[in-house]
Amino acid sequence: MGEVAENLNYDCNYNMFLAKIMLSNLPRSEDRQKAVKWMKKLISCNKSLEEMRLRNDFMYYLVVNIQQGELHHPFTENPPTCALPNIANLLPGGVSEVADEEIGEGPTRRPMLYENSPDGGAFLAAQPVPRCGAFCYLAVVAREPKNNN
């Protein structure tokens, strides 16, 4: 695992720190208790690199929920006792909702990245995210002019 695992653990620990200091943003004690249960569950998810990446995705969205002062699905429920499910199926705008929209079964819109990217956002999704600082990507694409005939 090596350096990749160190980076993933660093990110998890940083988000855990943020979650702990912002826990008071949640006005309901039940929400704070659920958030703590999720943090305990997530800190134990470190058996493989894939599980660590998934854990970090959950941690990121948990921090966002705590920062906003309200828990949303899946954090409104207790964490699963088994392995973490794929987060894309649990979060608003996840893979299942995008698939539902494509077949006409949902009012949700696809994320702007998917709508405006020629590859549906696949390239950007595969890029590394830095531990500190920002990630910036700029692309210049030439398109053939439309024929007005």
N, C-alpha and C. Protein backbone atom coordinates (compact mmCIF):
# COMPACT_ATOMS: atom_id res chain seq x y z
N MET A 1 0.84 -1.20 0.00
CA MET A 1 0.00 0.00 0.00
C MET A 1 0.87 1.25 0.00
N GLY A 2 1.79 1.40 0.92
CA GLY A 2 2.79 2.44 0.89
C GLY A 2 2.30 3.86 0.95
N GLU A 3 2.84 4.67 0.03
CA GLU A 3 2.57 6.11 0.02
C GLU A 3 1.11 6.43 -0.25
N VAL A 4 0.48 5.65 -1.09
CA VAL A 4 -0.94 5.89 -1.39
C VAL A 4 -1.77 5.73 -0.12
N ALA A 5 -1.49 4.69 0.64
CA ALA A 5 -2.22 4.47 1.89
C ALA A 5 -1.96 5.61 2.87
N GLU A 6 -0.72 6.09 2.92
CA GLU A 6 -0.40 7.22 3.81
C GLU A 6 -1.21 8.45 3.42
N ASN A 7 -1.29 8.72 2.13
CA ASN A 7 -2.06 9.87 1.66
C ASN A 7 -3.55 9.72 1.98
N LEU A 8 -4.07 8.52 1.78
CA LEU A 8 -5.49 8.29 2.09
C LEU A 8 -5.75 8.45 3.58
N ASN A 9 -4.85 7.93 4.41
CA ASN A 9 -5.01 8.08 5.85
C ASN A 9 -4.89 9.54 6.29
N TYR A 10 -3.98 10.27 5.65
CA TYR A 10 -3.83 11.70 5.94
C TYR A 10 -5.15 12.42 5.66
N ASP A 11 -5.73 12.17 4.49
CA ASP A 11 -7.00 12.81 4.12
C ASP A 11 -8.11 12.44 5.11
N CYS A 12 -8.17 11.17 5.47
CA CYS A 12 -9.20 10.71 6.42
C CYS A 12 -9.02 11.40 7.77
N ASN A 13 -7.80 11.44 8.26
CA ASN A 13 -7.53 12.07 9.55
C ASN A 13 -7.85 13.56 9.53
N TYR A 14 -7.55 14.22 8.42
CA TYR A 14 -7.85 15.64 8.30
C TYR A 14 -9.36 15.86 8.32
N ASN A 15 -10.10 15.07 7.55
CA ASN A 15 -11.55 15.21 7.55
C ASN A 15 -12.16 14.82 8.90
N MET A 16 -11.57 13.85 9.58
CA MET A 16 -12.02 13.48 10.92
C MET A 16 -11.84 14.66 11.87
N PHE A 17 -10.70 15.33 11.77
CA PHE A 17 -10.44 16.52 12.58
C PHE A 17 -11.50 17.59 12.32
N LEU A 18 -11.78 17.85 11.05
CA LEU A 18 -12.80 18.85 10.70
C LEU A 18 -14.17 18.46 11.24
N ALA A 19 -14.53 17.19 11.09
CA ALA A 19 -15.83 16.72 11.57
C ALA A 19 -15.95 16.92 13.07
N LYS A 20 -14.89 16.59 13.81
CA LYS A 20 -14.94 16.72 15.26
C LYS A 20 -15.08 18.16 15.71
N ILE A 21 -14.35 19.07 15.08
CA ILE A 21 -14.43 20.46 15.53
C ILE A 21 -15.73 21.14 15.09
N MET A 22 -16.37 20.62 14.06
CA MET A 22 -17.63 21.22 13.59
C MET A 22 -18.87 20.49 14.10
N LEU A 23 -18.69 19.47 14.91
CA LEU A 23 -19.80 18.65 15.38
C LEU A 23 -20.88 19.50 16.06
N SER A 24 -20.49 20.59 16.68
CA SER A 24 -21.47 21.46 17.34
C SER A 24 -22.37 22.19 16.34
N ASN A 25 -22.04 22.13 15.04
CA ASN A 25 -22.93 22.72 14.02
C ASN A 25 -24.25 21.97 13.92
N LEU A 26 -24.25 20.71 14.38
CA LEU A 26 -25.48 19.92 14.34
C LEU A 26 -26.30 20.25 15.58
N PRO A 27 -27.46 20.89 15.41
CA PRO A 27 -28.23 21.33 16.57
C PRO A 27 -28.88 20.18 17.36
N ARG A 28 -29.20 19.08 16.69
CA ARG A 28 -29.88 17.96 17.37
C ARG A 28 -28.85 16.98 17.91
N SER A 29 -29.04 16.57 19.17
CA SER A 29 -28.09 15.62 19.78
C SER A 29 -28.15 14.26 19.08
N GLU A 30 -29.33 13.88 18.55
CA GLU A 30 -29.44 12.62 17.81
C GLU A 30 -28.56 12.64 16.58
N ASP A 31 -28.51 13.79 15.89
CA ASP A 31 -27.66 13.91 14.71
C ASP A 31 -26.18 13.84 15.09
N ARG A 32 -25.82 14.46 16.20
CA ARG A 32 -24.42 14.40 16.65
C ARG A 32 -24.03 12.97 16.98
N GLN A 33 -24.94 12.23 17.63
CA GLN A 33 -24.66 10.84 17.97
C GLN A 33 -24.50 9.98 16.72
N LYS A 34 -25.36 10.21 15.72
CA LYS A 34 -25.24 9.46 14.47
C LYS A 34 -23.93 9.80 13.76
N ALA A 35 -23.56 11.06 13.76
CA ALA A 35 -22.31 11.47 13.12
C ALA A 35 -21.12 10.79 13.81
N VAL A 36 -21.14 10.71 15.12
CA VAL A 36 -20.06 10.05 15.85
C VAL A 36 -20.03 8.56 15.52
N LYS A 37 -21.19 7.93 15.40
CA LYS A 37 -21.23 6.51 15.01
C LYS A 37 -20.63 6.32 13.63
N TRP A 38 -20.96 7.23 12.70
CA TRP A 38 -20.39 7.14 11.36
C TRP A 38 -18.88 7.33 11.39
N MET A 39 -18.40 8.28 12.21
CA MET A 39 -16.96 8.50 12.29
C MET A 39 -16.25 7.26 12.83
N LYS A 40 -16.83 6.62 13.85
CA LYS A 40 -16.23 5.39 14.40
C LYS A 40 -16.23 4.28 13.35
N LYS A 41 -17.30 4.17 12.58
CA LYS A 41 -17.37 3.15 11.53
C LYS A 41 -16.31 3.43 10.46
N LEU A 42 -16.24 4.67 10.03
CA LEU A 42 -15.35 5.01 8.93
C LEU A 42 -13.88 4.87 9.30
N ILE A 43 -13.52 5.17 10.53
CA ILE A 43 -12.12 5.07 10.92
C ILE A 43 -11.64 3.62 10.88
N SER A 44 -12.57 2.68 10.99
CA SER A 44 -12.18 1.26 10.97
C SER A 44 -12.14 0.68 9.55
N CYS A 45 -12.50 1.45 8.56
CA CYS A 45 -12.53 0.97 7.17
C CYS A 45 -11.18 1.23 6.51
N ASN A 46 -10.24 0.31 6.71
CA ASN A 46 -8.89 0.53 6.18
C ASN A 46 -8.22 -0.77 5.75
N LYS A 47 -9.02 -1.72 5.29
CA LYS A 47 -8.48 -3.05 4.95
C LYS A 47 -7.81 -3.09 3.57
N SER A 48 -8.26 -2.23 2.66
CA SER A 48 -7.68 -2.19 1.32
C SER A 48 -7.69 -0.75 0.82
N LEU A 49 -6.95 -0.50 -0.25
CA LEU A 49 -6.92 0.85 -0.82
C LEU A 49 -8.30 1.27 -1.31
N GLU A 50 -9.02 0.34 -1.92
CA GLU A 50 -10.36 0.66 -2.42
C GLU A 50 -11.30 1.02 -1.27
N GLU A 51 -11.22 0.27 -0.19
CA GLU A 51 -12.06 0.56 0.98
C GLU A 51 -11.66 1.91 1.59
N MET A 52 -10.37 2.22 1.58
CA MET A 52 -9.91 3.50 2.12
C MET A 52 -10.40 4.66 1.25
N ARG A 53 -10.40 4.47 -0.05
CA ARG A 53 -10.91 5.53 -0.94
C ARG A 53 -12.40 5.75 -0.69
N LEU A 54 -13.14 4.66 -0.57
CA LEU A 54 -14.57 4.75 -0.31
C LEU A 54 -14.81 5.41 1.05
N ARG A 55 -14.02 5.02 2.05
CA ARG A 55 -14.11 5.63 3.38
C ARG A 55 -13.91 7.13 3.29
N ASN A 56 -12.93 7.57 2.50
CA ASN A 56 -12.66 9.00 2.37
C ASN A 56 -13.80 9.73 1.67
N ASP A 57 -14.45 9.07 0.72
CA ASP A 57 -15.61 9.68 0.08
C ASP A 57 -16.73 9.90 1.11
N PHE A 58 -16.99 8.87 1.91
CA PHE A 58 -17.99 9.01 2.97
C PHE A 58 -17.60 10.11 3.94
N MET A 59 -16.32 10.14 4.34
CA MET A 59 -15.86 11.16 5.30
C MET A 59 -16.07 12.56 4.75
N TYR A 60 -15.75 12.74 3.47
CA TYR A 60 -15.91 14.06 2.86
C TYR A 60 -17.37 14.51 2.92
N TYR A 61 -18.29 13.63 2.53
CA TYR A 61 -19.70 14.00 2.53
C TYR A 61 -20.25 14.14 3.95
N LEU A 62 -19.71 13.41 4.90
CA LEU A 62 -20.12 13.59 6.29
C LEU A 62 -19.68 14.98 6.77
N VAL A 63 -18.47 15.38 6.45
CA VAL A 63 -17.99 16.72 6.82
C VAL A 63 -18.87 17.79 6.19
N VAL A 64 -19.23 17.62 4.93
CA VAL A 64 -20.10 18.60 4.27
C VAL A 64 -21.44 18.68 4.99
N ASN A 65 -22.02 17.55 5.35
CA ASN A 65 -23.29 17.54 6.08
C ASN A 65 -23.16 18.25 7.42
N ILE A 66 -22.11 17.94 8.16
CA ILE A 66 -21.91 18.56 9.47
C ILE A 66 -21.71 20.06 9.31
N GLN A 67 -20.97 20.45 8.32
CA GLN A 67 -20.72 21.87 8.07
C GLN A 67 -22.03 22.60 7.78
N GLN A 68 -22.93 21.96 7.07
CA GLN A 68 -24.22 22.57 6.74
C GLN A 68 -25.19 22.54 7.91
N GLY A 69 -24.87 21.78 8.96
CA GLY A 69 -25.71 21.74 10.14
C GLY A 69 -26.89 20.80 10.06
N GLU A 70 -26.87 19.91 9.09
CA GLU A 70 -27.98 18.96 8.92
C GLU A 70 -27.48 17.71 8.22
N LEU A 71 -27.86 16.56 8.78
CA LEU A 71 -27.46 15.30 8.15
C LEU A 71 -28.45 14.90 7.07
N HIS A 72 -27.93 14.39 5.98
CA HIS A 72 -28.74 13.88 4.88
C HIS A 72 -28.40 12.41 4.67
N HIS A 73 -29.23 11.74 3.89
CA HIS A 73 -29.03 10.32 3.60
C HIS A 73 -27.63 10.13 3.01
N PRO A 74 -26.87 9.18 3.39
CA PRO A 74 -27.13 8.02 4.23
C PRO A 74 -26.88 8.24 5.71
N PHE A 75 -26.45 9.45 6.08
CA PHE A 75 -26.03 9.71 7.46
C PHE A 75 -27.21 9.87 8.41
N THR A 76 -28.42 9.91 7.92
CA THR A 76 -29.59 9.96 8.79
C THR A 76 -29.88 8.61 9.42
N GLU A 77 -29.26 7.57 8.88
CA GLU A 77 -29.40 6.21 9.42
C GLU A 77 -28.10 5.84 10.10
N ASN A 78 -28.16 4.81 10.96
CA ASN A 78 -26.94 4.31 11.57
C ASN A 78 -26.06 3.69 10.48
N PRO A 79 -24.74 3.70 10.67
CA PRO A 79 -23.86 3.12 9.65
C PRO A 79 -24.09 1.61 9.54
N PRO A 80 -23.82 1.05 8.38
CA PRO A 80 -24.01 -0.40 8.21
C PRO A 80 -23.02 -1.18 9.07
N THR A 81 -23.43 -2.34 9.50
CA THR A 81 -22.54 -3.19 10.29
C THR A 81 -21.57 -3.96 9.39
N CYS A 82 -21.93 -4.11 8.12
CA CYS A 82 -21.08 -4.80 7.16
C CYS A 82 -20.21 -3.78 6.43
N ALA A 83 -19.66 -4.18 5.32
CA ALA A 83 -18.81 -3.29 4.52
C ALA A 83 -19.61 -2.10 3.99
N LEU A 84 -18.90 -1.03 3.70
CA LEU A 84 -19.55 0.17 3.17
C LEU A 84 -20.09 -0.10 1.78
N PRO A 85 -21.31 0.37 1.50
CA PRO A 85 -21.83 0.25 0.14
C PRO A 85 -21.20 1.31 -0.75
N ASN A 86 -21.35 1.16 -2.04
CA ASN A 86 -20.84 2.16 -2.97
C ASN A 86 -21.58 3.46 -2.72
N ILE A 87 -20.85 4.52 -2.43
CA ILE A 87 -21.46 5.80 -2.05
C ILE A 87 -22.23 6.45 -3.19
N ALA A 88 -21.86 6.18 -4.43
CA ALA A 88 -22.54 6.80 -5.56
C ALA A 88 -24.01 6.43 -5.59
N ASN A 89 -24.35 5.27 -5.06
CA ASN A 89 -25.75 4.85 -5.04
C ASN A 89 -26.52 5.45 -3.88
N LEU A 90 -25.83 6.08 -2.93
CA LEU A 90 -26.49 6.60 -1.74
C LEU A 90 -26.68 8.11 -1.75
N LEU A 91 -25.83 8.82 -2.46
CA LEU A 91 -25.86 10.27 -2.40
C LEU A 91 -26.74 10.87 -3.48
N PRO A 92 -27.32 12.05 -3.18
CA PRO A 92 -28.09 12.74 -4.21
C PRO A 92 -27.23 13.01 -5.43
N GLY A 93 -27.77 12.74 -6.61
CA GLY A 93 -27.01 12.92 -7.84
C GLY A 93 -26.08 11.78 -8.13
N GLY A 94 -26.19 10.69 -7.36
CA GLY A 94 -25.32 9.54 -7.55
C GLY A 94 -25.64 8.79 -8.82
N VAL A 95 -24.94 7.71 -9.05
CA VAL A 95 -25.06 6.94 -10.28
C VAL A 95 -26.49 6.48 -10.51
N SER A 96 -27.18 6.04 -9.46
CA SER A 96 -28.53 5.52 -9.65
C SER A 96 -29.48 6.60 -10.13
N GLU A 97 -29.36 7.83 -9.60
CA GLU A 97 -30.25 8.90 -10.03
C GLU A 97 -29.92 9.34 -11.45
N VAL A 98 -28.64 9.37 -11.80
CA VAL A 98 -28.26 9.74 -13.16
C VAL A 98 -28.81 8.71 -14.13
N ALA A 99 -28.70 7.43 -13.78
CA ALA A 99 -29.23 6.37 -14.63
C ALA A 99 -30.75 6.48 -14.75
N ASP A 100 -31.45 6.80 -13.65
CA ASP A 100 -32.90 6.96 -13.69
C ASP A 100 -33.28 8.10 -14.63
N GLU A 101 -32.52 9.20 -14.58
CA GLU A 101 -32.84 10.33 -15.43
C GLU A 101 -32.67 9.97 -16.91
N GLU A 102 -31.62 9.20 -17.21
CA GLU A 102 -31.36 8.84 -18.59
C GLU A 102 -32.47 7.99 -19.18
N ILE A 103 -33.16 7.24 -18.34
CA ILE A 103 -34.27 6.43 -18.85
C ILE A 103 -35.62 7.09 -18.55
N GLY A 104 -35.58 8.36 -18.09
CA GLY A 104 -36.80 9.12 -17.90
C GLY A 104 -37.55 8.82 -16.61
N GLU A 105 -36.86 8.40 -15.56
CA GLU A 105 -37.54 8.06 -14.32
C GLU A 105 -37.12 8.95 -13.16
N GLY A 106 -36.80 10.19 -13.41
CA GLY A 106 -36.41 11.01 -12.28
C GLY A 106 -36.31 12.47 -12.65
N PRO A 107 -36.65 13.36 -11.71
CA PRO A 107 -36.61 14.79 -11.98
C PRO A 107 -35.23 15.40 -11.82
N THR A 108 -34.25 14.62 -11.36
CA THR A 108 -32.93 15.19 -11.08
C THR A 108 -32.18 15.47 -12.38
N ARG A 109 -31.29 16.48 -12.29
CA ARG A 109 -30.43 16.80 -13.41
C ARG A 109 -29.07 16.19 -13.19
N ARG A 110 -28.41 15.89 -14.28
CA ARG A 110 -27.04 15.39 -14.17
C ARG A 110 -26.14 16.53 -13.73
N PRO A 111 -25.06 16.24 -13.03
CA PRO A 111 -24.13 17.29 -12.64
C PRO A 111 -23.59 18.02 -13.87
N MET A 112 -23.28 19.30 -13.70
CA MET A 112 -22.82 20.12 -14.81
C MET A 112 -21.58 19.53 -15.46
N LEU A 113 -20.72 18.92 -14.67
CA LEU A 113 -19.51 18.31 -15.21
C LEU A 113 -19.86 17.26 -16.26
N TYR A 114 -20.88 16.45 -15.97
CA TYR A 114 -21.29 15.41 -16.91
C TYR A 114 -21.92 16.03 -18.16
N GLU A 115 -22.70 17.08 -17.98
CA GLU A 115 -23.39 17.70 -19.10
C GLU A 115 -22.44 18.39 -20.08
N ASN A 116 -21.41 19.03 -19.54
CA ASN A 116 -20.54 19.86 -20.38
C ASN A 116 -19.26 19.19 -20.84
N SER A 117 -18.96 18.05 -20.31
CA SER A 117 -17.72 17.37 -20.66
C SER A 117 -17.95 16.38 -21.80
N PRO A 118 -17.09 16.39 -22.84
CA PRO A 118 -17.28 15.46 -23.95
C PRO A 118 -17.21 13.99 -23.53
N ASP A 119 -16.45 13.72 -22.46
CA ASP A 119 -16.33 12.33 -22.01
C ASP A 119 -17.18 12.04 -20.78
N GLY A 120 -18.12 12.94 -20.47
CA GLY A 120 -19.00 12.73 -19.33
C GLY A 120 -18.31 12.90 -17.99
N GLY A 121 -17.17 13.58 -17.96
CA GLY A 121 -16.45 13.81 -16.72
C GLY A 121 -15.49 12.71 -16.34
N ALA A 122 -15.32 11.72 -17.21
CA ALA A 122 -14.47 10.57 -16.89
C ALA A 122 -13.01 10.98 -16.68
N PHE A 123 -12.51 11.89 -17.52
CA PHE A 123 -11.11 12.29 -17.39
C PHE A 123 -10.85 12.97 -16.05
N LEU A 124 -11.68 13.94 -15.69
CA LEU A 124 -11.47 14.66 -14.44
C LEU A 124 -11.65 13.77 -13.23
N ALA A 125 -12.60 12.84 -13.30
CA ALA A 125 -12.84 11.95 -12.18
C ALA A 125 -11.64 11.05 -11.90
N ALA A 126 -10.84 10.79 -12.93
CA ALA A 126 -9.68 9.90 -12.77
C ALA A 126 -8.42 10.64 -12.32
N GLN A 127 -8.48 11.98 -12.22
CA GLN A 127 -7.29 12.74 -11.86
C GLN A 127 -7.07 12.72 -10.35
N PRO A 128 -5.80 12.79 -9.94
CA PRO A 128 -5.51 12.79 -8.50
C PRO A 128 -5.95 14.10 -7.86
N VAL A 129 -6.38 14.02 -6.62
CA VAL A 129 -6.77 15.20 -5.86
C VAL A 129 -5.67 15.49 -4.85
N PRO A 130 -5.14 16.71 -4.84
CA PRO A 130 -4.02 16.99 -3.95
C PRO A 130 -4.43 17.00 -2.48
N ARG A 131 -3.48 16.67 -1.60
CA ARG A 131 -3.75 16.70 -0.16
C ARG A 131 -3.94 18.12 0.32
N CYS A 132 -3.15 19.04 -0.18
CA CYS A 132 -3.24 20.43 0.21
C CYS A 132 -3.29 21.27 -1.05
N GLY A 133 -3.99 22.38 -1.00
CA GLY A 133 -4.05 23.26 -2.15
C GLY A 133 -5.26 22.98 -3.01
N ALA A 134 -5.14 23.30 -4.27
CA ALA A 134 -6.28 23.19 -5.17
C ALA A 134 -5.88 22.42 -6.42
N PHE A 135 -6.88 21.92 -7.09
CA PHE A 135 -6.68 21.21 -8.35
C PHE A 135 -7.32 22.08 -9.43
N CYS A 136 -6.57 22.37 -10.46
CA CYS A 136 -7.09 23.19 -11.54
C CYS A 136 -6.81 22.50 -12.86
N TYR A 137 -7.77 22.53 -13.75
CA TYR A 137 -7.60 21.90 -15.04
C TYR A 137 -8.17 22.84 -16.09
N LEU A 138 -7.43 23.09 -17.14
CA LEU A 138 -7.88 23.95 -18.21
C LEU A 138 -7.67 23.21 -19.52
N ALA A 139 -8.68 23.22 -20.34
CA ALA A 139 -8.57 22.57 -21.64
C ALA A 139 -9.09 23.53 -22.71
N VAL A 140 -8.38 23.56 -23.81
CA VAL A 140 -8.82 24.34 -24.95
C VAL A 140 -9.09 23.36 -26.07
N VAL A 141 -10.31 23.41 -26.58
CA VAL A 141 -10.73 22.46 -27.59
C VAL A 141 -11.23 23.23 -28.81
N ALA A 142 -10.74 22.85 -29.97
CA ALA A 142 -11.20 23.47 -31.20
C ALA A 142 -12.28 22.59 -31.82
N ARG A 143 -13.35 23.21 -32.23
CA ARG A 143 -14.43 22.49 -32.88
C ARG A 143 -14.60 23.02 -34.30
N GLU A 144 -15.00 22.15 -35.17
CA GLU A 144 -15.24 22.58 -36.53
C GLU A 144 -16.44 23.52 -36.56
N PRO A 145 -16.36 24.60 -37.36
CA PRO A 145 -17.51 25.52 -37.43
C PRO A 145 -18.71 24.82 -38.04
N LYS A 146 -19.87 25.21 -37.55
CA LYS A 146 -21.11 24.63 -38.09
C LYS A 146 -21.35 25.17 -39.49
N ASN A 147 -21.78 24.29 -40.36
CA ASN A 147 -22.05 24.67 -41.73
C ASN A 147 -23.46 25.24 -41.80
N ASN A 148 -23.63 26.48 -42.29
CA ASN A 148 -24.92 27.15 -42.33
C ASN A 148 -25.65 26.91 -43.64
N ASN A 149 -25.26 25.91 -44.41
CA ASN A 149 -25.92 25.66 -45.70
C ASN A 149 -27.22 24.95 -45.53
